[in-house]
């Protein structure tokens, strides 16, 4: 399965989630790309849109390959074998840099605000999964705030990552779970351009 764009993928996911329309649901999107999908889902479900921000720490020789993920509060989830193999000083500096970027995004996109999700159904949305570390950490971060239910909605996820995520949430909605993964989320899209800070802010404003 291929997607024309993030908006197209978001609309397809929204159709799969229609049973949650007009209920006490909140959409938590991973910026930046996930916000485009989150906007489409929030619009269709008549639900508020907020962010859950975790950042990938890429391998020093292959930055697209995540060895860890870090949240705004400094919590981390790592592939421990990969993490132990990299330089410790580099890792500390990179972790700090990515945590600060997560905090910067919260301040810029939401002026530091965060929706209360306690007792609510949350739908965590991203534009796809590769290693799954950033999304798995997002799930852990959401659980700290005691939602009633956690659903993950993504267009594409490799089978091993999907299996791992299914263990930790109430429901996984994935449009494509390939046995042979193409190596990058963007490989499943016709258009997969970078999303700017300005676009994220515009979509959040439009959904409020």
N, C-alpha and C. Protein backbone atom coordinates (compact mmCIF):
# COMPACT_ATOMS: atom_id res chain seq x y z
N UNK A 1 0.84 -1.19 0.00
CA UNK A 1 0.00 0.00 0.00
C UNK A 1 0.88 1.24 0.00
N UNK A 2 0.49 2.23 -0.83
CA UNK A 2 1.19 3.52 -0.86
C UNK A 2 0.20 4.63 -0.54
N UNK A 3 0.74 5.75 -0.08
CA UNK A 3 -0.08 6.90 0.28
C UNK A 3 0.36 8.09 -0.56
N UNK A 4 -0.61 8.85 -1.02
CA UNK A 4 -0.28 10.03 -1.83
C UNK A 4 0.51 11.04 -1.00
N UNK A 5 0.09 11.22 0.23
CA UNK A 5 0.68 12.24 1.10
C UNK A 5 0.31 11.91 2.54
N UNK A 6 0.82 12.68 3.47
CA UNK A 6 0.44 12.51 4.87
C UNK A 6 -1.05 12.80 5.06
N UNK A 7 -1.56 13.79 4.35
CA UNK A 7 -3.00 14.12 4.46
C UNK A 7 -3.85 12.94 4.01
N UNK A 8 -3.45 12.32 2.91
CA UNK A 8 -4.16 11.14 2.41
C UNK A 8 -4.13 10.02 3.44
N UNK A 9 -2.95 9.76 4.01
CA UNK A 9 -2.83 8.71 5.04
C UNK A 9 -3.69 9.03 6.25
N UNK A 10 -3.73 10.30 6.64
CA UNK A 10 -4.55 10.72 7.78
C UNK A 10 -6.03 10.49 7.53
N UNK A 11 -6.47 10.81 6.32
CA UNK A 11 -7.89 10.61 6.00
C UNK A 11 -8.25 9.12 6.00
N UNK A 12 -7.34 8.28 5.50
CA UNK A 12 -7.60 6.83 5.51
C UNK A 12 -7.65 6.29 6.94
N UNK A 13 -6.75 6.77 7.79
CA UNK A 13 -6.79 6.34 9.19
C UNK A 13 -8.06 6.82 9.88
N UNK A 14 -8.47 8.04 9.56
CA UNK A 14 -9.67 8.60 10.19
C UNK A 14 -10.89 7.74 9.92
N UNK A 15 -10.99 7.18 8.72
CA UNK A 15 -12.12 6.29 8.39
C UNK A 15 -12.13 5.06 9.28
N UNK A 16 -10.94 4.55 9.60
CA UNK A 16 -10.82 3.36 10.45
C UNK A 16 -11.15 3.66 11.92
N UNK A 17 -11.16 4.94 12.27
CA UNK A 17 -11.35 5.34 13.66
C UNK A 17 -12.71 5.99 13.91
N UNK A 18 -13.61 5.89 12.93
CA UNK A 18 -14.87 6.63 13.01
C UNK A 18 -15.75 6.23 14.20
N UNK A 19 -15.53 5.05 14.74
CA UNK A 19 -16.34 4.64 15.90
C UNK A 19 -16.03 5.48 17.14
N UNK A 20 -14.97 6.30 17.07
CA UNK A 20 -14.62 7.17 18.19
C UNK A 20 -15.12 8.60 17.99
N UNK A 21 -15.87 8.83 16.94
CA UNK A 21 -16.34 10.19 16.66
C UNK A 21 -17.27 10.69 17.77
N UNK A 22 -17.08 11.96 18.13
CA UNK A 22 -17.91 12.65 19.13
C UNK A 22 -17.86 12.00 20.51
N UNK A 23 -16.78 11.28 20.81
CA UNK A 23 -16.60 10.69 22.13
C UNK A 23 -15.48 11.44 22.86
N UNK A 24 -15.21 11.06 24.11
CA UNK A 24 -14.19 11.75 24.89
C UNK A 24 -12.80 11.25 24.49
N UNK A 25 -12.39 11.70 23.30
CA UNK A 25 -11.15 11.25 22.68
C UNK A 25 -10.26 12.47 22.46
N UNK A 26 -8.97 12.27 22.61
CA UNK A 26 -8.02 13.33 22.25
C UNK A 26 -6.94 12.72 21.35
N UNK A 27 -6.57 13.46 20.32
CA UNK A 27 -5.55 13.03 19.38
C UNK A 27 -4.22 13.61 19.82
N UNK A 28 -3.22 12.76 20.01
CA UNK A 28 -1.87 13.19 20.36
C UNK A 28 -0.95 12.84 19.20
N UNK A 29 -0.47 13.87 18.51
CA UNK A 29 0.36 13.64 17.32
C UNK A 29 1.83 13.86 17.64
N UNK A 30 2.70 13.07 17.01
CA UNK A 30 4.14 13.27 17.11
C UNK A 30 4.56 14.25 16.02
N UNK A 31 5.13 15.40 16.44
CA UNK A 31 5.55 16.37 15.43
C UNK A 31 6.92 15.98 14.84
N UNK A 32 7.18 16.39 13.58
CA UNK A 32 6.26 17.26 12.88
C UNK A 32 5.27 16.48 12.02
N UNK A 33 5.75 15.44 11.33
CA UNK A 33 4.92 14.76 10.33
C UNK A 33 3.60 14.24 10.84
N UNK A 34 3.59 13.73 12.07
CA UNK A 34 2.37 13.16 12.61
C UNK A 34 1.25 14.16 12.79
N UNK A 35 1.61 15.45 12.87
CA UNK A 35 0.58 16.48 13.08
C UNK A 35 -0.33 16.60 11.85
N UNK A 36 0.23 16.37 10.68
CA UNK A 36 -0.60 16.44 9.46
C UNK A 36 -1.67 15.36 9.50
N UNK A 37 -1.30 14.15 9.88
CA UNK A 37 -2.27 13.07 10.00
C UNK A 37 -3.22 13.32 11.17
N UNK A 38 -2.65 13.78 12.28
CA UNK A 38 -3.47 14.06 13.46
C UNK A 38 -4.55 15.08 13.18
N UNK A 39 -4.21 16.08 12.38
CA UNK A 39 -5.18 17.12 12.02
C UNK A 39 -6.37 16.51 11.27
N UNK A 40 -6.09 15.63 10.31
CA UNK A 40 -7.16 15.00 9.53
C UNK A 40 -8.04 14.13 10.42
N UNK A 41 -7.42 13.40 11.33
CA UNK A 41 -8.17 12.51 12.23
C UNK A 41 -9.01 13.32 13.21
N UNK A 42 -8.41 14.36 13.79
CA UNK A 42 -9.13 15.20 14.75
C UNK A 42 -10.35 15.85 14.09
N UNK A 43 -10.17 16.30 12.86
CA UNK A 43 -11.26 16.94 12.13
C UNK A 43 -12.41 15.96 11.90
N UNK A 44 -12.08 14.75 11.51
CA UNK A 44 -13.10 13.74 11.20
C UNK A 44 -13.82 13.25 12.47
N UNK A 45 -13.07 13.17 13.57
CA UNK A 45 -13.65 12.63 14.81
C UNK A 45 -14.24 13.72 15.70
N UNK A 46 -14.08 14.96 15.27
CA UNK A 46 -14.54 16.09 16.09
C UNK A 46 -13.87 16.05 17.46
N UNK A 47 -12.54 15.88 17.43
CA UNK A 47 -11.76 15.69 18.66
C UNK A 47 -10.66 16.75 18.75
N UNK A 48 -10.22 17.08 19.96
CA UNK A 48 -9.09 18.02 20.09
C UNK A 48 -7.78 17.38 19.65
N UNK A 49 -6.87 18.24 19.20
CA UNK A 49 -5.55 17.80 18.75
C UNK A 49 -4.49 18.41 19.65
N UNK A 50 -3.61 17.57 20.18
CA UNK A 50 -2.47 18.04 20.96
C UNK A 50 -1.25 17.25 20.50
N UNK A 51 -0.15 17.46 21.18
CA UNK A 51 1.12 16.85 20.80
C UNK A 51 1.63 15.92 21.89
N UNK A 52 2.37 14.90 21.46
CA UNK A 52 3.20 14.14 22.38
C UNK A 52 4.57 14.12 21.71
N UNK A 53 5.58 14.64 22.41
CA UNK A 53 6.84 14.94 21.74
C UNK A 53 7.97 14.06 22.26
N UNK A 54 8.43 13.17 21.41
CA UNK A 54 9.62 12.36 21.68
C UNK A 54 10.55 12.52 20.49
N UNK A 55 11.84 12.46 20.75
CA UNK A 55 12.82 12.71 19.71
C UNK A 55 13.74 11.51 19.53
N UNK A 56 14.01 11.21 18.29
CA UNK A 56 14.93 10.14 17.94
C UNK A 56 16.37 10.57 18.20
N UNK A 57 17.16 9.67 18.76
CA UNK A 57 18.61 9.84 18.81
C UNK A 57 19.18 8.86 17.79
N UNK A 58 19.65 9.40 16.69
CA UNK A 58 20.14 8.56 15.59
C UNK A 58 21.56 8.09 15.81
N UNK A 59 21.90 6.98 15.20
CA UNK A 59 23.26 6.45 15.29
C UNK A 59 24.23 7.46 14.69
N UNK A 60 25.42 7.65 15.29
CA UNK A 60 26.34 8.67 14.77
C UNK A 60 26.77 8.47 13.32
N UNK A 61 26.78 7.24 12.85
CA UNK A 61 27.17 7.00 11.45
C UNK A 61 25.97 6.82 10.52
N UNK A 62 24.78 6.76 11.10
CA UNK A 62 23.56 6.59 10.31
C UNK A 62 22.41 7.28 11.04
N UNK A 63 22.32 8.62 10.94
CA UNK A 63 21.40 9.40 11.78
C UNK A 63 19.92 9.02 11.66
N UNK A 64 19.54 8.42 10.53
CA UNK A 64 18.14 8.03 10.38
C UNK A 64 17.79 6.79 11.19
N UNK A 65 18.80 6.05 11.62
CA UNK A 65 18.58 4.81 12.38
C UNK A 65 18.57 5.13 13.87
N UNK A 66 17.42 4.97 14.51
CA UNK A 66 17.28 5.34 15.93
C UNK A 66 17.92 4.29 16.83
N UNK A 67 18.78 4.78 17.74
CA UNK A 67 19.30 3.88 18.77
C UNK A 67 18.61 4.15 20.11
N UNK A 68 18.03 5.34 20.25
CA UNK A 68 17.28 5.71 21.45
C UNK A 68 16.22 6.74 21.08
N UNK A 69 15.32 6.98 22.01
CA UNK A 69 14.39 8.10 21.91
C UNK A 69 14.37 8.80 23.26
N UNK A 70 14.17 10.12 23.23
CA UNK A 70 14.14 10.90 24.46
C UNK A 70 12.90 11.79 24.46
N UNK A 71 12.31 11.95 25.65
CA UNK A 71 11.10 12.77 25.81
C UNK A 71 11.46 14.14 26.37
N UNK A 72 10.45 14.99 26.42
CA UNK A 72 10.64 16.35 26.94
C UNK A 72 11.22 16.35 28.35
N UNK A 73 10.79 15.39 29.17
CA UNK A 73 11.22 15.34 30.57
C UNK A 73 12.53 14.57 30.78
N UNK A 74 13.14 14.13 29.67
CA UNK A 74 14.42 13.42 29.77
C UNK A 74 14.30 11.91 29.83
N UNK A 75 13.08 11.39 29.97
CA UNK A 75 12.92 9.93 29.94
C UNK A 75 13.41 9.39 28.61
N UNK A 76 14.02 8.20 28.65
CA UNK A 76 14.59 7.61 27.44
C UNK A 76 14.17 6.16 27.27
N UNK A 77 14.17 5.74 26.01
CA UNK A 77 14.00 4.33 25.67
C UNK A 77 15.06 4.03 24.63
N UNK A 78 15.84 2.97 24.86
CA UNK A 78 16.99 2.71 24.00
C UNK A 78 17.07 1.26 23.55
N UNK A 79 17.71 1.10 22.41
CA UNK A 79 18.25 -0.20 22.03
C UNK A 79 19.58 -0.29 22.77
N UNK A 80 19.60 -0.99 23.88
CA UNK A 80 20.76 -0.93 24.79
C UNK A 80 22.04 -1.45 24.14
N UNK A 81 21.93 -2.43 23.27
CA UNK A 81 23.13 -2.93 22.58
C UNK A 81 23.75 -1.84 21.73
N UNK A 82 22.91 -1.13 20.98
CA UNK A 82 23.40 -0.04 20.14
C UNK A 82 23.92 1.12 20.98
N UNK A 83 23.21 1.43 22.05
CA UNK A 83 23.61 2.58 22.88
C UNK A 83 24.98 2.36 23.50
N UNK A 84 25.22 1.16 23.99
CA UNK A 84 26.49 0.87 24.65
C UNK A 84 27.67 0.87 23.68
N UNK A 85 27.37 0.76 22.39
CA UNK A 85 28.43 0.69 21.38
C UNK A 85 28.90 2.06 20.91
N UNK A 86 28.19 3.14 21.30
CA UNK A 86 28.58 4.47 20.84
C UNK A 86 29.33 5.22 21.94
N UNK A 87 30.04 6.25 21.54
CA UNK A 87 30.82 7.05 22.48
C UNK A 87 29.91 7.70 23.53
N UNK A 88 30.27 7.57 24.80
CA UNK A 88 29.40 8.04 25.89
C UNK A 88 29.28 9.56 25.91
N UNK A 89 30.36 10.26 25.66
CA UNK A 89 30.31 11.73 25.64
C UNK A 89 29.41 12.21 24.51
N UNK A 90 29.59 11.63 23.32
CA UNK A 90 28.71 11.97 22.18
C UNK A 90 27.26 11.70 22.54
N UNK A 91 27.00 10.56 23.17
CA UNK A 91 25.63 10.18 23.48
C UNK A 91 24.99 11.17 24.46
N UNK A 92 25.71 11.57 25.50
CA UNK A 92 25.18 12.53 26.46
C UNK A 92 24.84 13.86 25.78
N UNK A 93 25.74 14.31 24.94
CA UNK A 93 25.52 15.60 24.25
C UNK A 93 24.34 15.51 23.29
N UNK A 94 24.25 14.41 22.56
CA UNK A 94 23.16 14.24 21.59
C UNK A 94 21.82 14.10 22.31
N UNK A 95 21.80 13.40 23.42
CA UNK A 95 20.57 13.23 24.21
C UNK A 95 20.08 14.58 24.72
N UNK A 96 21.01 15.38 25.22
CA UNK A 96 20.67 16.72 25.73
C UNK A 96 20.13 17.60 24.60
N UNK A 97 20.78 17.53 23.44
CA UNK A 97 20.35 18.34 22.31
C UNK A 97 18.94 17.98 21.86
N UNK A 98 18.64 16.69 21.80
CA UNK A 98 17.32 16.25 21.35
C UNK A 98 16.24 16.53 22.39
N UNK A 99 16.58 16.40 23.68
CA UNK A 99 15.62 16.77 24.72
C UNK A 99 15.29 18.26 24.64
N UNK A 100 16.30 19.08 24.44
CA UNK A 100 16.07 20.53 24.31
C UNK A 100 15.22 20.85 23.08
N UNK A 101 15.41 20.09 22.01
CA UNK A 101 14.58 20.30 20.82
C UNK A 101 13.12 19.93 21.10
N UNK A 102 12.90 18.85 21.85
CA UNK A 102 11.53 18.48 22.23
C UNK A 102 10.89 19.59 23.05
N UNK A 103 11.64 20.14 23.99
CA UNK A 103 11.12 21.23 24.82
C UNK A 103 10.86 22.49 24.00
N UNK A 104 11.76 22.77 23.05
CA UNK A 104 11.58 23.93 22.18
C UNK A 104 10.27 23.81 21.40
N UNK A 105 9.98 22.62 20.91
CA UNK A 105 8.78 22.43 20.11
C UNK A 105 7.52 22.62 20.95
N UNK A 106 7.52 22.13 22.17
CA UNK A 106 6.35 22.33 23.04
C UNK A 106 6.11 23.83 23.27
N UNK A 107 7.19 24.53 23.55
CA UNK A 107 7.08 25.96 23.82
C UNK A 107 6.61 26.72 22.57
N UNK A 108 7.17 26.39 21.42
CA UNK A 108 6.84 27.09 20.18
C UNK A 108 5.45 26.73 19.68
N UNK A 109 5.14 25.44 19.65
CA UNK A 109 3.89 24.98 19.03
C UNK A 109 2.68 25.20 19.94
N UNK A 110 2.88 25.03 21.26
CA UNK A 110 1.74 25.04 22.18
C UNK A 110 1.90 26.04 23.31
N UNK A 111 2.95 26.89 23.21
CA UNK A 111 3.24 27.87 24.27
C UNK A 111 3.37 27.19 25.64
N UNK A 112 3.90 25.96 25.60
CA UNK A 112 4.12 25.20 26.82
C UNK A 112 2.92 24.44 27.34
N UNK A 113 1.74 24.63 26.73
CA UNK A 113 0.52 23.99 27.23
C UNK A 113 0.47 22.50 26.89
N UNK A 114 -0.28 21.79 27.70
CA UNK A 114 -0.45 20.34 27.50
C UNK A 114 -1.85 19.96 27.96
N UNK A 115 -2.61 19.30 27.10
CA UNK A 115 -3.98 18.89 27.43
C UNK A 115 -3.97 17.84 28.54
N UNK A 116 -4.97 17.88 29.38
CA UNK A 116 -5.15 16.85 30.41
C UNK A 116 -5.76 15.60 29.77
N UNK A 117 -5.06 14.48 29.85
CA UNK A 117 -5.58 13.26 29.22
C UNK A 117 -6.06 12.23 30.25
N UNK A 118 -6.01 12.56 31.52
CA UNK A 118 -6.41 11.61 32.56
C UNK A 118 -7.86 11.15 32.33
N UNK A 119 -8.06 9.84 32.29
CA UNK A 119 -9.39 9.26 32.15
C UNK A 119 -9.98 9.33 30.76
N UNK A 120 -9.20 9.79 29.79
CA UNK A 120 -9.71 9.94 28.42
C UNK A 120 -9.09 8.88 27.50
N UNK A 121 -9.72 8.66 26.38
CA UNK A 121 -9.13 7.81 25.34
C UNK A 121 -8.19 8.66 24.52
N UNK A 122 -6.93 8.24 24.41
CA UNK A 122 -5.98 8.98 23.58
C UNK A 122 -5.64 8.15 22.35
N UNK A 123 -5.56 8.84 21.23
CA UNK A 123 -5.12 8.22 19.98
C UNK A 123 -3.79 8.85 19.60
N UNK A 124 -2.73 8.07 19.71
CA UNK A 124 -1.38 8.55 19.38
C UNK A 124 -1.13 8.30 17.90
N UNK A 125 -0.73 9.37 17.21
CA UNK A 125 -0.64 9.32 15.74
C UNK A 125 0.76 9.72 15.28
N UNK A 126 1.31 8.94 14.34
CA UNK A 126 2.54 9.34 13.65
C UNK A 126 2.40 8.97 12.18
N UNK A 127 3.34 9.46 11.38
CA UNK A 127 3.23 9.22 9.93
C UNK A 127 3.80 7.87 9.51
N UNK A 128 4.28 7.09 10.47
CA UNK A 128 4.78 5.75 10.20
C UNK A 128 5.78 5.34 11.26
N UNK A 129 6.13 4.07 11.24
CA UNK A 129 7.05 3.50 12.23
C UNK A 129 8.23 2.86 11.50
N UNK A 130 9.43 3.08 12.03
CA UNK A 130 10.61 2.38 11.54
C UNK A 130 11.09 1.43 12.65
N UNK A 131 11.92 1.94 13.57
CA UNK A 131 12.33 1.09 14.70
C UNK A 131 11.24 1.01 15.76
N UNK A 132 10.41 2.06 15.84
CA UNK A 132 9.34 2.08 16.84
C UNK A 132 9.73 2.71 18.16
N UNK A 133 10.98 3.13 18.32
CA UNK A 133 11.43 3.65 19.62
C UNK A 133 10.72 4.94 20.02
N UNK A 134 10.59 5.89 19.10
CA UNK A 134 9.95 7.17 19.46
C UNK A 134 8.48 6.95 19.83
N UNK A 135 7.82 6.05 19.12
CA UNK A 135 6.41 5.79 19.40
C UNK A 135 6.24 5.01 20.70
N UNK A 136 7.10 4.05 20.93
CA UNK A 136 7.01 3.29 22.18
C UNK A 136 7.26 4.19 23.39
N UNK A 137 8.19 5.14 23.25
CA UNK A 137 8.42 6.09 24.35
C UNK A 137 7.22 7.02 24.51
N UNK A 138 6.60 7.41 23.40
CA UNK A 138 5.39 8.24 23.48
C UNK A 138 4.29 7.52 24.26
N UNK A 139 4.16 6.23 24.04
CA UNK A 139 3.17 5.43 24.77
C UNK A 139 3.48 5.46 26.27
N UNK A 140 4.74 5.26 26.62
CA UNK A 140 5.14 5.29 28.03
C UNK A 140 4.84 6.66 28.65
N UNK A 141 5.14 7.72 27.90
CA UNK A 141 4.89 9.08 28.41
C UNK A 141 3.40 9.31 28.62
N UNK A 142 2.57 8.85 27.70
CA UNK A 142 1.12 9.00 27.85
C UNK A 142 0.61 8.25 29.08
N UNK A 143 1.17 7.08 29.33
CA UNK A 143 0.72 6.28 30.47
C UNK A 143 0.97 6.98 31.81
N UNK A 144 1.98 7.84 31.87
CA UNK A 144 2.25 8.59 33.11
C UNK A 144 1.06 9.44 33.53
N UNK A 145 0.24 9.84 32.55
CA UNK A 145 -0.90 10.73 32.81
C UNK A 145 -2.23 9.99 32.94
N UNK A 146 -2.19 8.67 33.03
CA UNK A 146 -3.36 7.83 33.34
C UNK A 146 -4.57 8.02 32.42
N UNK A 147 -4.37 7.86 31.12
CA UNK A 147 -5.55 7.86 30.23
C UNK A 147 -6.37 6.60 30.44
N UNK A 148 -7.63 6.64 30.03
CA UNK A 148 -8.49 5.46 30.16
C UNK A 148 -8.08 4.38 29.15
N UNK A 149 -7.63 4.83 27.99
CA UNK A 149 -7.36 3.89 26.91
C UNK A 149 -6.34 4.53 25.97
N UNK A 150 -5.44 3.72 25.42
CA UNK A 150 -4.47 4.20 24.44
C UNK A 150 -4.61 3.43 23.14
N UNK A 151 -4.82 4.18 22.07
CA UNK A 151 -4.87 3.62 20.72
C UNK A 151 -3.71 4.24 19.94
N UNK A 152 -3.02 3.45 19.17
CA UNK A 152 -1.98 3.96 18.27
C UNK A 152 -2.49 3.83 16.84
N UNK A 153 -2.37 4.91 16.07
CA UNK A 153 -2.82 4.92 14.68
C UNK A 153 -1.69 5.36 13.77
N UNK A 154 -1.28 4.48 12.87
CA UNK A 154 -0.19 4.78 11.94
C UNK A 154 -0.52 4.19 10.57
N UNK A 155 -0.01 4.79 9.51
CA UNK A 155 -0.24 4.22 8.18
C UNK A 155 0.54 2.93 7.96
N UNK A 156 1.80 2.89 8.44
CA UNK A 156 2.65 1.74 8.15
C UNK A 156 3.55 1.43 9.33
N UNK A 157 3.74 0.13 9.59
CA UNK A 157 4.64 -0.33 10.66
C UNK A 157 5.21 -1.69 10.28
N UNK A 158 6.52 -1.90 10.45
CA UNK A 158 7.08 -3.24 10.22
C UNK A 158 6.45 -4.23 11.20
N UNK A 159 6.39 -5.46 10.82
CA UNK A 159 5.71 -6.48 11.61
C UNK A 159 6.29 -6.58 13.02
N UNK A 160 7.61 -6.58 13.18
CA UNK A 160 8.20 -6.75 14.52
C UNK A 160 7.87 -5.56 15.42
N UNK A 161 7.92 -4.34 14.86
CA UNK A 161 7.59 -3.15 15.65
C UNK A 161 6.10 -3.14 16.01
N UNK A 162 5.27 -3.54 15.06
CA UNK A 162 3.82 -3.58 15.31
C UNK A 162 3.50 -4.57 16.43
N UNK A 163 4.15 -5.72 16.41
CA UNK A 163 3.93 -6.71 17.46
C UNK A 163 4.32 -6.17 18.84
N UNK A 164 5.44 -5.44 18.89
CA UNK A 164 5.91 -4.87 20.15
C UNK A 164 4.94 -3.82 20.67
N UNK A 165 4.45 -2.98 19.78
CA UNK A 165 3.54 -1.90 20.19
C UNK A 165 2.20 -2.46 20.63
N UNK A 166 1.71 -3.49 19.94
CA UNK A 166 0.42 -4.08 20.30
C UNK A 166 0.39 -4.58 21.74
N UNK A 167 1.55 -5.00 22.25
CA UNK A 167 1.62 -5.50 23.62
C UNK A 167 1.36 -4.41 24.66
N UNK A 168 1.61 -3.15 24.29
CA UNK A 168 1.60 -2.08 25.29
C UNK A 168 0.43 -1.10 25.15
N UNK A 169 -0.47 -1.35 24.20
CA UNK A 169 -1.61 -0.44 24.01
C UNK A 169 -2.91 -1.24 23.96
N UNK A 170 -4.02 -0.53 24.00
CA UNK A 170 -5.32 -1.20 23.92
C UNK A 170 -5.66 -1.59 22.49
N UNK A 171 -5.15 -0.81 21.53
CA UNK A 171 -5.46 -1.10 20.13
C UNK A 171 -4.40 -0.46 19.23
N UNK A 172 -4.00 -1.18 18.20
CA UNK A 172 -3.14 -0.64 17.15
C UNK A 172 -3.93 -0.63 15.85
N UNK A 173 -4.04 0.55 15.25
CA UNK A 173 -4.68 0.67 13.94
C UNK A 173 -3.57 1.01 12.95
N UNK A 174 -3.22 0.06 12.10
CA UNK A 174 -2.17 0.26 11.09
C UNK A 174 -2.74 -0.16 9.74
N UNK A 175 -2.58 0.70 8.75
CA UNK A 175 -3.13 0.41 7.42
C UNK A 175 -2.28 -0.60 6.67
N UNK A 176 -0.99 -0.63 6.95
CA UNK A 176 -0.06 -1.53 6.25
C UNK A 176 0.95 -2.06 7.24
N UNK A 177 1.03 -3.38 7.36
CA UNK A 177 2.03 -4.02 8.21
C UNK A 177 2.80 -5.01 7.34
N UNK A 178 3.81 -4.52 6.62
CA UNK A 178 4.52 -5.38 5.67
C UNK A 178 5.43 -6.39 6.37
N UNK A 179 5.49 -7.57 5.83
CA UNK A 179 6.45 -8.56 6.33
C UNK A 179 7.86 -8.15 5.94
N UNK A 180 8.00 -7.64 4.72
CA UNK A 180 9.29 -7.12 4.26
C UNK A 180 9.18 -5.60 4.22
N UNK A 181 9.85 -4.94 5.14
CA UNK A 181 9.76 -3.48 5.28
C UNK A 181 10.73 -2.82 4.30
N UNK A 182 10.31 -1.72 3.70
CA UNK A 182 11.12 -1.06 2.67
C UNK A 182 12.27 -0.21 3.21
N UNK A 183 12.42 -0.17 4.54
CA UNK A 183 13.59 0.47 5.12
C UNK A 183 13.40 1.88 5.62
N UNK A 184 12.36 2.57 5.13
CA UNK A 184 12.10 3.95 5.57
C UNK A 184 10.63 4.25 5.39
N UNK A 185 10.08 5.05 6.31
CA UNK A 185 8.66 5.43 6.24
C UNK A 185 8.35 6.13 4.92
N UNK A 186 9.24 7.01 4.50
CA UNK A 186 9.01 7.78 3.27
C UNK A 186 8.85 6.93 2.02
N UNK A 187 9.35 5.70 2.06
CA UNK A 187 9.24 4.81 0.90
C UNK A 187 7.80 4.42 0.61
N UNK A 188 6.90 4.64 1.56
CA UNK A 188 5.49 4.29 1.38
C UNK A 188 4.63 5.48 0.93
N UNK A 189 5.28 6.61 0.69
CA UNK A 189 4.56 7.83 0.30
C UNK A 189 5.02 8.32 -1.07
N UNK A 190 4.07 8.83 -1.87
CA UNK A 190 4.44 9.51 -3.11
C UNK A 190 5.05 10.87 -2.81
N UNK A 191 4.50 11.55 -1.81
CA UNK A 191 5.02 12.85 -1.38
C UNK A 191 5.30 12.77 0.11
N UNK A 192 6.55 13.04 0.50
CA UNK A 192 6.94 12.94 1.92
C UNK A 192 7.91 14.08 2.24
N UNK A 193 7.44 15.30 2.01
CA UNK A 193 8.28 16.47 2.21
C UNK A 193 8.37 16.82 3.69
N UNK A 194 9.45 17.54 4.04
CA UNK A 194 9.62 18.02 5.40
C UNK A 194 8.47 18.97 5.77
N UNK A 195 8.01 18.88 7.01
CA UNK A 195 6.98 19.78 7.51
C UNK A 195 7.67 20.87 8.35
N UNK A 196 7.27 22.12 8.14
CA UNK A 196 7.91 23.23 8.85
C UNK A 196 7.22 23.48 10.19
N UNK A 197 7.92 24.21 11.06
CA UNK A 197 7.32 24.65 12.32
C UNK A 197 6.04 25.45 12.05
N UNK A 198 6.09 26.30 11.03
CA UNK A 198 4.94 27.15 10.71
C UNK A 198 3.72 26.33 10.32
N UNK A 199 3.95 25.25 9.57
CA UNK A 199 2.83 24.38 9.18
C UNK A 199 2.21 23.69 10.40
N UNK A 200 3.06 23.25 11.32
CA UNK A 200 2.56 22.62 12.54
C UNK A 200 1.69 23.60 13.33
N UNK A 201 2.18 24.80 13.52
CA UNK A 201 1.43 25.82 14.27
C UNK A 201 0.11 26.12 13.58
N UNK A 202 0.14 26.22 12.25
CA UNK A 202 -1.09 26.50 11.50
C UNK A 202 -2.12 25.39 11.71
N UNK A 203 -1.70 24.13 11.63
CA UNK A 203 -2.63 23.01 11.79
C UNK A 203 -3.20 22.95 13.20
N UNK A 204 -2.37 23.23 14.20
CA UNK A 204 -2.86 23.25 15.58
C UNK A 204 -3.86 24.37 15.79
N UNK A 205 -3.57 25.52 15.19
CA UNK A 205 -4.50 26.66 15.29
C UNK A 205 -5.84 26.34 14.60
N UNK A 206 -5.75 25.69 13.45
CA UNK A 206 -6.95 25.35 12.69
C UNK A 206 -7.84 24.35 13.43
N UNK A 207 -7.21 23.49 14.21
CA UNK A 207 -7.98 22.44 14.89
C UNK A 207 -8.51 22.88 16.25
N UNK A 208 -8.11 24.05 16.71
CA UNK A 208 -8.52 24.48 18.06
C UNK A 208 -9.92 25.11 18.03
